[in-house]
Amino acid sequence: MTIRVFIADDQSLVRNGLKLVVDSQPDMTVVGEASDGREAVEALAVTTADVVLMDVRMPRLDGVAATALIKGPKVLVLTTFDLDEYVFSALRAGASGFLLKDAEPEELLAAIRAIDSGDAVVAPSATRRLLDQIELPGGETTDPRLETLTERERDVLLALARGATNAEIGAQLFMAEATVKTHVGRLLSKLEARDRVQLVILAYENGLT
């Protein structure tokens, strides 16, 4: 089944580059483009897409506001280091993950496939550096749902907050990857989180670093 990708970026060179990468894949196709957030929202109202590649800083309507308005397709935010606060806001607005714009084409394609299949993508190489620069409340845990976690579930949540993959968490905590997936599933249920991205946000908002 072909993954339908929509690209929203105010730089034509970036859009063209992303289009070349996506259209080179037999299981993907670009179904539309937009040069700002408002254009993206309007186009996606009449265009069927599965994944949106969303720039953050764009004219008329930025990527954060556009992400909150888009219903249906999953959103993958593409950003640079100087847009950290916008990335965090986009994730809270409902984006399924983020990658840096200098990611390798293979990383981008893998992220598109992962998001399309229902997973969330938090770039391990960027998570710590991006979220370290966001001023979040620290101190004592404020979300009562965190009190329901077992010690093992808390360990897994902390590893997720550092951007670790399931395989990396398994290696760190000496667990089988299938067991890690079980713990992640329990975390999603107990913390009423939509995906891994929301788990990372919750951990950082409550000072679990």
N, C-alpha and C. Protein backbone atom coordinates (compact mmCIF):
# COMPACT_ATOMS: atom_id res chain seq x y z
N MET A 1 0.85 -1.19 0.00
CA MET A 1 0.00 0.00 0.00
C MET A 1 0.89 1.25 0.00
N THR A 2 0.57 2.20 -0.84
CA THR A 2 1.39 3.40 -0.99
C THR A 2 1.09 4.41 0.12
N ILE A 3 2.16 4.95 0.71
CA ILE A 3 2.03 5.98 1.74
C ILE A 3 1.94 7.34 1.06
N ARG A 4 0.87 8.04 1.30
CA ARG A 4 0.64 9.34 0.67
C ARG A 4 1.22 10.44 1.58
N VAL A 5 2.18 11.17 1.03
CA VAL A 5 2.92 12.17 1.82
C VAL A 5 2.62 13.58 1.33
N PHE A 6 2.39 14.47 2.27
CA PHE A 6 2.17 15.88 1.97
C PHE A 6 3.33 16.67 2.58
N ILE A 7 3.87 17.66 1.85
CA ILE A 7 5.03 18.42 2.30
C ILE A 7 4.65 19.88 2.52
N ALA A 8 4.93 20.39 3.72
CA ALA A 8 4.67 21.79 4.04
C ALA A 8 5.97 22.45 4.49
N ASP A 9 6.50 23.33 3.65
CA ASP A 9 7.75 24.03 3.96
C ASP A 9 7.79 25.30 3.11
N ASP A 10 8.25 26.40 3.71
CA ASP A 10 8.23 27.65 2.95
C ASP A 10 9.42 27.81 2.02
N GLN A 11 10.35 26.86 2.04
CA GLN A 11 11.50 26.93 1.14
C GLN A 11 11.32 25.93 -0.01
N SER A 12 11.26 26.45 -1.22
CA SER A 12 11.02 25.59 -2.38
C SER A 12 12.12 24.55 -2.56
N LEU A 13 13.37 24.92 -2.26
CA LEU A 13 14.47 23.97 -2.39
C LEU A 13 14.29 22.79 -1.45
N VAL A 14 13.84 23.07 -0.25
CA VAL A 14 13.61 22.00 0.73
C VAL A 14 12.47 21.11 0.27
N ARG A 15 11.38 21.72 -0.19
CA ARG A 15 10.25 20.93 -0.68
C ARG A 15 10.67 20.03 -1.83
N ASN A 16 11.42 20.59 -2.77
CA ASN A 16 11.87 19.81 -3.92
C ASN A 16 12.78 18.66 -3.50
N GLY A 17 13.66 18.93 -2.54
CA GLY A 17 14.55 17.88 -2.07
C GLY A 17 13.79 16.76 -1.38
N LEU A 18 12.84 17.13 -0.54
CA LEU A 18 12.03 16.12 0.15
C LEU A 18 11.20 15.32 -0.85
N LYS A 19 10.68 16.01 -1.85
CA LYS A 19 9.86 15.34 -2.87
C LYS A 19 10.69 14.30 -3.62
N LEU A 20 11.92 14.65 -3.96
CA LEU A 20 12.79 13.71 -4.67
C LEU A 20 13.05 12.46 -3.83
N VAL A 21 13.30 12.67 -2.54
CA VAL A 21 13.58 11.54 -1.64
C VAL A 21 12.36 10.64 -1.51
N VAL A 22 11.21 11.25 -1.26
CA VAL A 22 9.97 10.48 -1.06
C VAL A 22 9.55 9.75 -2.33
N ASP A 23 9.54 10.47 -3.44
CA ASP A 23 9.07 9.87 -4.69
C ASP A 23 10.02 8.81 -5.24
N SER A 24 11.22 8.72 -4.67
CA SER A 24 12.17 7.69 -5.11
C SER A 24 11.81 6.32 -4.55
N GLN A 25 10.86 6.29 -3.60
CA GLN A 25 10.49 5.04 -2.95
C GLN A 25 9.26 4.41 -3.62
N PRO A 26 9.29 3.11 -3.85
CA PRO A 26 8.15 2.46 -4.51
C PRO A 26 6.88 2.43 -3.66
N ASP A 27 7.03 2.62 -2.33
CA ASP A 27 5.85 2.55 -1.45
C ASP A 27 5.40 3.92 -0.97
N MET A 28 5.91 4.99 -1.60
CA MET A 28 5.53 6.34 -1.20
C MET A 28 5.27 7.22 -2.40
N THR A 29 4.43 8.23 -2.20
CA THR A 29 4.20 9.22 -3.24
C THR A 29 3.81 10.55 -2.60
N VAL A 30 4.27 11.65 -3.18
CA VAL A 30 3.91 12.97 -2.69
C VAL A 30 2.58 13.37 -3.33
N VAL A 31 1.59 13.69 -2.50
CA VAL A 31 0.26 14.00 -3.01
C VAL A 31 -0.04 15.50 -2.97
N GLY A 32 0.87 16.27 -2.39
CA GLY A 32 0.62 17.71 -2.35
C GLY A 32 1.73 18.46 -1.63
N GLU A 33 1.76 19.77 -1.85
CA GLU A 33 2.77 20.62 -1.22
C GLU A 33 2.12 21.93 -0.79
N ALA A 34 2.75 22.59 0.20
CA ALA A 34 2.28 23.90 0.65
C ALA A 34 3.48 24.71 1.11
N SER A 35 3.39 26.03 0.94
CA SER A 35 4.49 26.90 1.31
C SER A 35 4.26 27.62 2.64
N ASP A 36 3.10 27.37 3.26
CA ASP A 36 2.85 27.92 4.60
C ASP A 36 1.78 27.08 5.28
N GLY A 37 1.60 27.30 6.57
CA GLY A 37 0.68 26.48 7.34
C GLY A 37 -0.76 26.59 6.91
N ARG A 38 -1.20 27.80 6.61
CA ARG A 38 -2.60 27.97 6.21
C ARG A 38 -2.88 27.25 4.90
N GLU A 39 -1.96 27.37 3.97
CA GLU A 39 -2.12 26.67 2.69
C GLU A 39 -2.17 25.17 2.91
N ALA A 40 -1.36 24.68 3.86
CA ALA A 40 -1.34 23.25 4.16
C ALA A 40 -2.68 22.78 4.72
N VAL A 41 -3.21 23.54 5.68
CA VAL A 41 -4.49 23.18 6.29
C VAL A 41 -5.60 23.16 5.24
N GLU A 42 -5.63 24.18 4.39
CA GLU A 42 -6.66 24.27 3.36
C GLU A 42 -6.52 23.13 2.35
N ALA A 43 -5.28 22.83 1.95
CA ALA A 43 -5.06 21.78 0.96
C ALA A 43 -5.42 20.40 1.54
N LEU A 44 -5.07 20.18 2.81
CA LEU A 44 -5.33 18.88 3.42
C LEU A 44 -6.81 18.64 3.70
N ALA A 45 -7.59 19.71 3.64
CA ALA A 45 -9.04 19.55 3.81
C ALA A 45 -9.66 18.87 2.61
N VAL A 46 -8.94 18.94 1.45
CA VAL A 46 -9.47 18.33 0.23
C VAL A 46 -8.50 17.32 -0.38
N THR A 47 -7.39 17.05 0.33
CA THR A 47 -6.38 16.11 -0.17
C THR A 47 -6.21 14.98 0.84
N THR A 48 -6.28 13.76 0.37
CA THR A 48 -6.10 12.61 1.25
C THR A 48 -4.62 12.31 1.40
N ALA A 49 -4.12 12.42 2.62
CA ALA A 49 -2.71 12.14 2.89
C ALA A 49 -2.60 11.26 4.13
N ASP A 50 -1.50 10.55 4.23
CA ASP A 50 -1.25 9.70 5.38
C ASP A 50 -0.27 10.34 6.35
N VAL A 51 0.77 10.98 5.80
CA VAL A 51 1.81 11.60 6.62
C VAL A 51 2.11 13.00 6.08
N VAL A 52 2.21 13.97 6.99
CA VAL A 52 2.57 15.34 6.61
C VAL A 52 3.97 15.64 7.13
N LEU A 53 4.85 16.09 6.25
CA LEU A 53 6.17 16.56 6.66
C LEU A 53 6.03 18.05 6.89
N MET A 54 6.12 18.47 8.15
CA MET A 54 5.75 19.84 8.53
C MET A 54 6.95 20.65 9.02
N ASP A 55 7.23 21.73 8.31
CA ASP A 55 8.21 22.69 8.80
C ASP A 55 7.57 23.45 9.96
N VAL A 56 8.38 24.02 10.83
CA VAL A 56 7.82 24.70 11.99
C VAL A 56 7.59 26.19 11.73
N ARG A 57 8.61 26.88 11.31
CA ARG A 57 8.50 28.33 11.13
C ARG A 57 8.14 28.65 9.69
N MET A 58 6.88 29.06 9.48
CA MET A 58 6.40 29.41 8.14
C MET A 58 5.51 30.64 8.24
N PRO A 59 5.35 31.36 7.14
CA PRO A 59 4.50 32.56 7.15
C PRO A 59 3.02 32.22 7.25
N ARG A 60 2.23 33.25 7.56
CA ARG A 60 0.77 33.20 7.68
C ARG A 60 0.30 32.32 8.85
N LEU A 61 0.69 31.05 8.84
CA LEU A 61 0.34 30.13 9.93
C LEU A 61 1.51 29.19 10.13
N ASP A 62 2.07 29.17 11.34
CA ASP A 62 3.26 28.35 11.55
C ASP A 62 2.89 26.87 11.69
N GLY A 63 3.92 26.03 11.73
CA GLY A 63 3.70 24.60 11.76
C GLY A 63 3.02 24.10 13.02
N VAL A 64 3.21 24.80 14.13
CA VAL A 64 2.57 24.41 15.39
C VAL A 64 1.06 24.58 15.28
N ALA A 65 0.64 25.77 14.86
CA ALA A 65 -0.79 26.04 14.72
C ALA A 65 -1.42 25.15 13.67
N ALA A 66 -0.69 24.93 12.58
CA ALA A 66 -1.22 24.07 11.51
C ALA A 66 -1.39 22.64 12.00
N THR A 67 -0.44 22.15 12.77
CA THR A 67 -0.52 20.79 13.30
C THR A 67 -1.77 20.61 14.16
N ALA A 68 -2.07 21.61 14.97
CA ALA A 68 -3.25 21.53 15.84
C ALA A 68 -4.55 21.50 15.04
N LEU A 69 -4.53 22.08 13.83
CA LEU A 69 -5.75 22.16 13.02
C LEU A 69 -5.94 20.97 12.10
N ILE A 70 -4.85 20.25 11.83
CA ILE A 70 -4.93 19.14 10.88
C ILE A 70 -5.55 17.91 11.52
N LYS A 71 -6.54 17.36 10.89
CA LYS A 71 -7.21 16.17 11.39
C LYS A 71 -7.05 15.04 10.37
N GLY A 72 -6.65 13.89 10.82
CA GLY A 72 -6.54 12.75 9.91
C GLY A 72 -5.11 12.27 9.74
N PRO A 73 -4.33 12.93 8.88
CA PRO A 73 -2.96 12.45 8.64
C PRO A 73 -2.06 12.67 9.85
N LYS A 74 -1.04 11.83 9.96
CA LYS A 74 -0.04 11.97 11.02
C LYS A 74 0.94 13.08 10.61
N VAL A 75 1.48 13.78 11.59
CA VAL A 75 2.40 14.88 11.30
C VAL A 75 3.80 14.56 11.82
N LEU A 76 4.78 14.69 10.93
CA LEU A 76 6.19 14.55 11.30
C LEU A 76 6.83 15.93 11.17
N VAL A 77 7.26 16.49 12.28
CA VAL A 77 7.85 17.82 12.29
C VAL A 77 9.33 17.73 11.91
N LEU A 78 9.74 18.59 10.99
CA LEU A 78 11.15 18.69 10.60
C LEU A 78 11.66 20.03 11.09
N THR A 79 12.78 20.02 11.81
CA THR A 79 13.23 21.25 12.44
C THR A 79 14.74 21.36 12.48
N THR A 80 15.21 22.53 12.93
CA THR A 80 16.62 22.78 13.18
C THR A 80 16.78 23.09 14.65
N PHE A 81 18.00 23.10 15.16
CA PHE A 81 18.23 23.27 16.59
C PHE A 81 17.67 24.58 17.15
N ASP A 82 17.60 25.62 16.33
CA ASP A 82 17.19 26.92 16.87
C ASP A 82 15.68 27.06 16.97
N LEU A 83 14.94 25.96 16.75
CA LEU A 83 13.48 26.01 16.83
C LEU A 83 12.96 25.08 17.93
N ASP A 84 13.77 24.86 18.95
CA ASP A 84 13.41 23.89 19.99
C ASP A 84 12.03 24.10 20.59
N GLU A 85 11.74 25.34 21.01
CA GLU A 85 10.48 25.58 21.70
C GLU A 85 9.29 25.32 20.79
N TYR A 86 9.48 25.55 19.48
CA TYR A 86 8.41 25.29 18.53
C TYR A 86 8.18 23.79 18.37
N VAL A 87 9.26 23.03 18.42
CA VAL A 87 9.13 21.58 18.30
C VAL A 87 8.30 21.03 19.44
N PHE A 88 8.63 21.45 20.65
CA PHE A 88 7.90 20.95 21.82
C PHE A 88 6.42 21.29 21.71
N SER A 89 6.13 22.51 21.28
CA SER A 89 4.74 22.94 21.13
C SER A 89 4.03 22.11 20.06
N ALA A 90 4.74 21.79 18.99
CA ALA A 90 4.15 20.99 17.92
C ALA A 90 3.81 19.58 18.40
N LEU A 91 4.69 19.01 19.21
CA LEU A 91 4.43 17.68 19.75
C LEU A 91 3.19 17.70 20.64
N ARG A 92 3.08 18.75 21.44
CA ARG A 92 1.91 18.87 22.30
C ARG A 92 0.65 19.12 21.49
N ALA A 93 0.82 19.72 20.31
CA ALA A 93 -0.34 20.00 19.45
C ALA A 93 -0.82 18.75 18.72
N GLY A 94 -0.04 17.67 18.79
CA GLY A 94 -0.50 16.43 18.18
C GLY A 94 0.42 15.80 17.16
N ALA A 95 1.59 16.39 16.95
CA ALA A 95 2.53 15.78 16.01
C ALA A 95 2.96 14.41 16.51
N SER A 96 3.23 13.50 15.59
CA SER A 96 3.62 12.14 15.97
C SER A 96 5.12 11.98 16.13
N GLY A 97 5.87 13.07 15.96
CA GLY A 97 7.31 12.98 16.16
C GLY A 97 8.05 14.09 15.46
N PHE A 98 9.37 14.05 15.57
CA PHE A 98 10.18 15.06 14.91
C PHE A 98 11.52 14.48 14.49
N LEU A 99 12.07 15.10 13.47
CA LEU A 99 13.42 14.81 13.00
C LEU A 99 14.11 16.13 12.71
N LEU A 100 15.41 16.10 12.74
CA LEU A 100 16.17 17.28 12.34
C LEU A 100 16.26 17.32 10.82
N LYS A 101 16.34 18.51 10.28
CA LYS A 101 16.38 18.65 8.83
C LYS A 101 17.66 18.09 8.21
N ASP A 102 18.68 17.91 9.03
CA ASP A 102 19.91 17.34 8.48
C ASP A 102 19.97 15.82 8.63
N ALA A 103 18.83 15.21 8.96
CA ALA A 103 18.78 13.75 9.06
C ALA A 103 19.08 13.12 7.70
N GLU A 104 19.65 11.94 7.72
CA GLU A 104 19.92 11.22 6.48
C GLU A 104 18.60 10.81 5.82
N PRO A 105 18.58 10.71 4.48
CA PRO A 105 17.36 10.30 3.79
C PRO A 105 16.78 8.99 4.33
N GLU A 106 17.66 8.05 4.69
CA GLU A 106 17.20 6.76 5.22
C GLU A 106 16.43 6.96 6.53
N GLU A 107 16.90 7.90 7.36
CA GLU A 107 16.21 8.19 8.62
C GLU A 107 14.83 8.76 8.37
N LEU A 108 14.76 9.68 7.41
CA LEU A 108 13.48 10.31 7.08
C LEU A 108 12.49 9.27 6.58
N LEU A 109 12.94 8.42 5.68
CA LEU A 109 12.05 7.40 5.10
C LEU A 109 11.59 6.41 6.16
N ALA A 110 12.50 6.04 7.06
CA ALA A 110 12.14 5.12 8.13
C ALA A 110 11.12 5.76 9.06
N ALA A 111 11.29 7.06 9.32
CA ALA A 111 10.36 7.78 10.19
C ALA A 111 8.97 7.86 9.56
N ILE A 112 8.92 8.11 8.27
CA ILE A 112 7.63 8.17 7.57
C ILE A 112 6.92 6.84 7.69
N ARG A 113 7.65 5.76 7.45
CA ARG A 113 7.04 4.42 7.53
C ARG A 113 6.59 4.11 8.96
N ALA A 114 7.40 4.49 9.94
CA ALA A 114 7.06 4.21 11.33
C ALA A 114 5.79 4.95 11.74
N ILE A 115 5.73 6.22 11.38
CA ILE A 115 4.56 7.02 11.74
C ILE A 115 3.32 6.51 11.03
N ASP A 116 3.46 6.14 9.77
CA ASP A 116 2.33 5.62 9.03
C ASP A 116 1.79 4.33 9.64
N SER A 117 2.68 3.55 10.24
CA SER A 117 2.26 2.28 10.84
C SER A 117 1.70 2.45 12.25
N GLY A 118 1.71 3.69 12.75
CA GLY A 118 1.13 3.94 14.06
C GLY A 118 2.12 4.22 15.16
N ASP A 119 3.41 4.14 14.86
CA ASP A 119 4.42 4.43 15.87
C ASP A 119 4.67 5.93 15.94
N ALA A 120 5.41 6.34 16.96
CA ALA A 120 5.83 7.73 17.09
C ALA A 120 7.34 7.78 16.94
N VAL A 121 7.83 8.88 16.44
CA VAL A 121 9.27 9.01 16.20
C VAL A 121 9.82 10.19 16.98
N VAL A 122 10.70 9.90 17.91
CA VAL A 122 11.42 10.94 18.64
C VAL A 122 12.89 10.69 18.35
N ALA A 123 13.48 11.50 17.51
CA ALA A 123 14.85 11.26 17.06
C ALA A 123 15.80 11.08 18.24
N PRO A 124 16.34 9.87 18.44
CA PRO A 124 17.23 9.62 19.59
C PRO A 124 18.44 10.55 19.61
N SER A 125 18.98 10.87 18.45
CA SER A 125 20.18 11.71 18.41
C SER A 125 19.90 13.15 18.80
N ALA A 126 18.64 13.54 18.77
CA ALA A 126 18.30 14.94 19.02
C ALA A 126 17.49 15.16 20.29
N THR A 127 16.86 14.14 20.80
CA THR A 127 15.92 14.31 21.92
C THR A 127 16.52 15.07 23.08
N ARG A 128 17.65 14.61 23.58
CA ARG A 128 18.23 15.24 24.76
C ARG A 128 18.62 16.69 24.49
N ARG A 129 19.28 16.92 23.36
CA ARG A 129 19.75 18.27 23.06
C ARG A 129 18.58 19.23 22.84
N LEU A 130 17.52 18.72 22.21
CA LEU A 130 16.37 19.57 21.97
C LEU A 130 15.64 19.89 23.26
N LEU A 131 15.33 18.86 24.06
CA LEU A 131 14.52 19.07 25.23
C LEU A 131 15.29 19.68 26.39
N ASP A 132 16.61 19.55 26.40
CA ASP A 132 17.42 20.18 27.43
C ASP A 132 17.26 21.69 27.43
N GLN A 133 16.98 22.26 26.26
CA GLN A 133 16.93 23.71 26.12
C GLN A 133 15.53 24.27 26.34
N ILE A 134 14.56 23.39 26.65
CA ILE A 134 13.20 23.83 26.90
C ILE A 134 13.01 23.98 28.39
N GLU A 135 12.57 25.14 28.83
CA GLU A 135 12.39 25.37 30.26
C GLU A 135 11.09 24.73 30.71
N LEU A 136 11.22 23.67 31.48
CA LEU A 136 10.06 22.94 31.98
C LEU A 136 10.09 22.91 33.50
N PRO A 137 8.94 22.78 34.14
CA PRO A 137 8.92 22.74 35.60
C PRO A 137 9.61 21.51 36.13
N GLY A 138 10.41 21.70 37.17
CA GLY A 138 11.07 20.56 37.79
C GLY A 138 10.48 20.30 39.16
N GLY A 139 11.28 19.75 40.07
CA GLY A 139 10.80 19.52 41.42
C GLY A 139 10.03 18.22 41.55
N GLU A 140 9.11 18.21 42.49
CA GLU A 140 8.37 16.99 42.79
C GLU A 140 7.40 16.64 41.66
N THR A 141 7.11 15.36 41.54
CA THR A 141 6.16 14.88 40.56
C THR A 141 4.80 15.51 40.83
N THR A 142 4.15 16.01 39.78
CA THR A 142 2.85 16.66 39.96
C THR A 142 1.70 15.85 39.38
N ASP A 143 1.99 14.95 38.47
CA ASP A 143 0.92 14.15 37.86
C ASP A 143 0.68 12.90 38.71
N PRO A 144 -0.50 12.77 39.32
CA PRO A 144 -0.77 11.63 40.19
C PRO A 144 -0.72 10.28 39.48
N ARG A 145 -0.88 10.28 38.15
CA ARG A 145 -0.84 9.02 37.42
C ARG A 145 0.54 8.37 37.49
N LEU A 146 1.58 9.20 37.68
CA LEU A 146 2.92 8.66 37.77
C LEU A 146 3.11 7.81 39.02
N GLU A 147 2.28 8.06 40.04
CA GLU A 147 2.39 7.29 41.27
C GLU A 147 1.92 5.85 41.09
N THR A 148 1.21 5.59 40.01
CA THR A 148 0.71 4.23 39.76
C THR A 148 1.74 3.34 39.08
N LEU A 149 2.86 3.92 38.66
CA LEU A 149 3.87 3.16 37.93
C LEU A 149 4.70 2.29 38.85
N THR A 150 5.06 1.12 38.35
CA THR A 150 6.00 0.28 39.07
C THR A 150 7.40 0.85 38.87
N GLU A 151 8.35 0.37 39.64
CA GLU A 151 9.72 0.85 39.50
C GLU A 151 10.26 0.55 38.10
N ARG A 152 9.90 -0.62 37.56
CA ARG A 152 10.37 -1.00 36.23
C ARG A 152 9.75 -0.10 35.17
N GLU A 153 8.47 0.20 35.30
CA GLU A 153 7.80 1.07 34.34
C GLU A 153 8.41 2.47 34.38
N ARG A 154 8.77 2.93 35.56
CA ARG A 154 9.41 4.24 35.68
C ARG A 154 10.78 4.24 35.00
N ASP A 155 11.51 3.13 35.14
CA ASP A 155 12.81 3.01 34.47
C ASP A 155 12.66 3.10 32.96
N VAL A 156 11.63 2.43 32.45
CA VAL A 156 11.38 2.45 31.00
C VAL A 156 10.99 3.85 30.56
N LEU A 157 10.17 4.53 31.35
CA LEU A 157 9.76 5.89 31.01
C LEU A 157 10.95 6.83 30.97
N LEU A 158 11.86 6.70 31.92
CA LEU A 158 13.05 7.54 31.94
C LEU A 158 13.92 7.29 30.70
N ALA A 159 14.04 6.03 30.31
CA ALA A 159 14.82 5.70 29.12
C ALA A 159 14.17 6.27 27.87
N LEU A 160 12.84 6.20 27.81
CA LEU A 160 12.11 6.79 26.68
C LEU A 160 12.36 8.30 26.61
N ALA A 161 12.37 8.94 27.77
CA ALA A 161 12.56 10.38 27.82
C ALA A 161 13.93 10.79 27.32
N ARG A 162 14.88 9.86 27.35
CA ARG A 162 16.22 10.15 26.84
C ARG A 162 16.34 9.78 25.36
N GLY A 163 15.24 9.33 24.76
CA GLY A 163 15.23 9.04 23.34
C GLY A 163 15.65 7.64 22.97
N ALA A 164 15.70 6.73 23.94
CA ALA A 164 16.14 5.36 23.65
C ALA A 164 15.07 4.58 22.88
N THR A 165 15.52 3.72 21.98
CA THR A 165 14.62 2.83 21.26
C THR A 165 14.30 1.63 22.14
N ASN A 166 13.33 0.82 21.73
CA ASN A 166 13.00 -0.37 22.51
C ASN A 166 14.20 -1.29 22.67
N ALA A 167 14.96 -1.45 21.59
CA ALA A 167 16.14 -2.32 21.65
C ALA A 167 17.17 -1.77 22.64
N GLU A 168 17.37 -0.44 22.61
CA GLU A 168 18.33 0.18 23.53
C GLU A 168 17.87 0.08 24.97
N ILE A 169 16.56 0.24 25.18
CA ILE A 169 16.02 0.11 26.54
C ILE A 169 16.22 -1.31 27.06
N GLY A 170 15.97 -2.30 26.18
CA GLY A 170 16.17 -3.69 26.56
C GLY A 170 17.61 -3.96 26.98
N ALA A 171 18.55 -3.40 26.22
CA ALA A 171 19.97 -3.60 26.54
C ALA A 171 20.33 -2.91 27.85
N GLN A 172 19.81 -1.72 28.07
CA GLN A 172 20.12 -0.96 29.28
C GLN A 172 19.53 -1.61 30.53
N LEU A 173 18.32 -2.14 30.40
CA LEU A 173 17.61 -2.67 31.57
C LEU A 173 17.60 -4.19 31.62
N PHE A 174 18.35 -4.81 30.71
CA PHE A 174 18.47 -6.28 30.68
C PHE A 174 17.09 -6.95 30.55
N MET A 175 16.35 -6.49 29.55
CA MET A 175 15.03 -7.05 29.26
C MET A 175 14.93 -7.41 27.79
N ALA A 176 14.10 -8.37 27.50
CA ALA A 176 13.83 -8.72 26.11
C ALA A 176 13.05 -7.57 25.48
N GLU A 177 13.24 -7.36 24.17
CA GLU A 177 12.55 -6.27 23.50
C GLU A 177 11.04 -6.41 23.60
N ALA A 178 10.55 -7.65 23.57
CA ALA A 178 9.11 -7.89 23.70
C ALA A 178 8.60 -7.43 25.07
N THR A 179 9.43 -7.60 26.09
CA THR A 179 9.06 -7.15 27.43
C THR A 179 9.01 -5.64 27.49
N VAL A 180 9.96 -5.00 26.82
CA VAL A 180 9.96 -3.54 26.76
C VAL A 180 8.67 -3.04 26.12
N LYS A 181 8.27 -3.68 25.01
CA LYS A 181 7.04 -3.28 24.33
C LYS A 181 5.83 -3.41 25.26
N THR A 182 5.84 -4.47 26.09
CA THR A 182 4.75 -4.66 27.05
C THR A 182 4.71 -3.52 28.05
N HIS A 183 5.88 -3.14 28.55
CA HIS A 183 5.96 -2.03 29.51
C HIS A 183 5.52 -0.72 28.87
N VAL A 184 5.93 -0.49 27.63
CA VAL A 184 5.53 0.73 26.94
C VAL A 184 4.01 0.77 26.79
N GLY A 185 3.43 -0.37 26.45
CA GLY A 185 1.97 -0.45 26.33
C GLY A 185 1.27 -0.13 27.64
N ARG A 186 1.84 -0.62 28.75
CA ARG A 186 1.26 -0.32 30.06
C ARG A 186 1.39 1.15 30.41
N LEU A 187 2.53 1.74 30.03
CA LEU A 187 2.74 3.17 30.28
C LEU A 187 1.71 4.00 29.52
N LEU A 188 1.49 3.64 28.25
CA LEU A 188 0.51 4.37 27.44
C LEU A 188 -0.87 4.30 28.07
N SER A 189 -1.20 3.11 28.60
CA SER A 189 -2.51 2.93 29.22
C SER A 189 -2.62 3.68 30.54
N LYS A 190 -1.65 3.48 31.42
CA LYS A 190 -1.71 4.10 32.75
C LYS A 190 -1.65 5.62 32.69
N LEU A 191 -0.85 6.14 31.77
CA LEU A 191 -0.66 7.58 31.69
C LEU A 191 -1.58 8.24 30.67
N GLU A 192 -2.45 7.42 30.07
CA GLU A 192 -3.43 7.91 29.10
C GLU A 192 -2.77 8.73 28.01
N ALA A 193 -1.66 8.19 27.50
CA ALA A 193 -0.89 8.88 26.47
C ALA A 193 -1.20 8.29 25.10
N ARG A 194 -1.20 9.14 24.09
CA ARG A 194 -1.50 8.70 22.73
C ARG A 194 -0.37 7.87 22.13
N ASP A 195 0.89 8.28 22.42
CA ASP A 195 2.02 7.59 21.82
C ASP A 195 3.28 7.90 22.63
N ARG A 196 4.43 7.44 22.13
CA ARG A 196 5.70 7.62 22.83
C ARG A 196 6.05 9.10 23.01
N VAL A 197 5.69 9.90 22.02
CA VAL A 197 5.98 11.32 22.11
C VAL A 197 5.31 11.93 23.34
N GLN A 198 4.06 11.58 23.57
CA GLN A 198 3.34 12.11 24.71
C GLN A 198 3.95 11.62 26.03
N LEU A 199 4.50 10.41 26.03
CA LEU A 199 5.18 9.90 27.22
C LEU A 199 6.43 10.73 27.52
N VAL A 200 7.18 11.07 26.48
CA VAL A 200 8.38 11.89 26.65
C VAL A 200 8.00 13.26 27.21
N ILE A 201 6.96 13.86 26.65
CA ILE A 201 6.51 15.17 27.12
C ILE A 201 6.11 15.11 28.58
N LEU A 202 5.34 14.09 28.95
CA LEU A 202 4.88 13.97 30.33
C LEU A 202 6.07 13.83 31.28
N ALA A 203 7.05 13.03 30.89
CA ALA A 203 8.23 12.84 31.74
C ALA A 203 8.97 14.14 31.97
N TYR A 204 9.16 14.92 30.92
CA TYR A 204 9.88 16.18 31.06
C TYR A 204 9.07 17.24 31.80
N GLU A 205 7.77 17.25 31.59
CA GLU A 205 6.93 18.23 32.29
C GLU A 205 6.93 17.99 33.80
N ASN A 206 7.17 16.74 34.19
CA ASN A 206 7.15 16.40 35.61
C ASN A 206 8.55 16.25 36.21
N GLY A 207 9.55 16.72 35.48
CA GLY A 207 10.89 16.74 36.02
C GLY A 207 11.56 15.39 36.15
N LEU A 208 11.10 14.40 35.41
CA LEU A 208 11.69 13.06 35.50
C LEU A 208 12.88 12.95 34.55
N THR A 209 13.97 13.63 34.84
CA THR A 209 15.15 13.61 33.97
C THR A 209 16.36 13.17 34.76
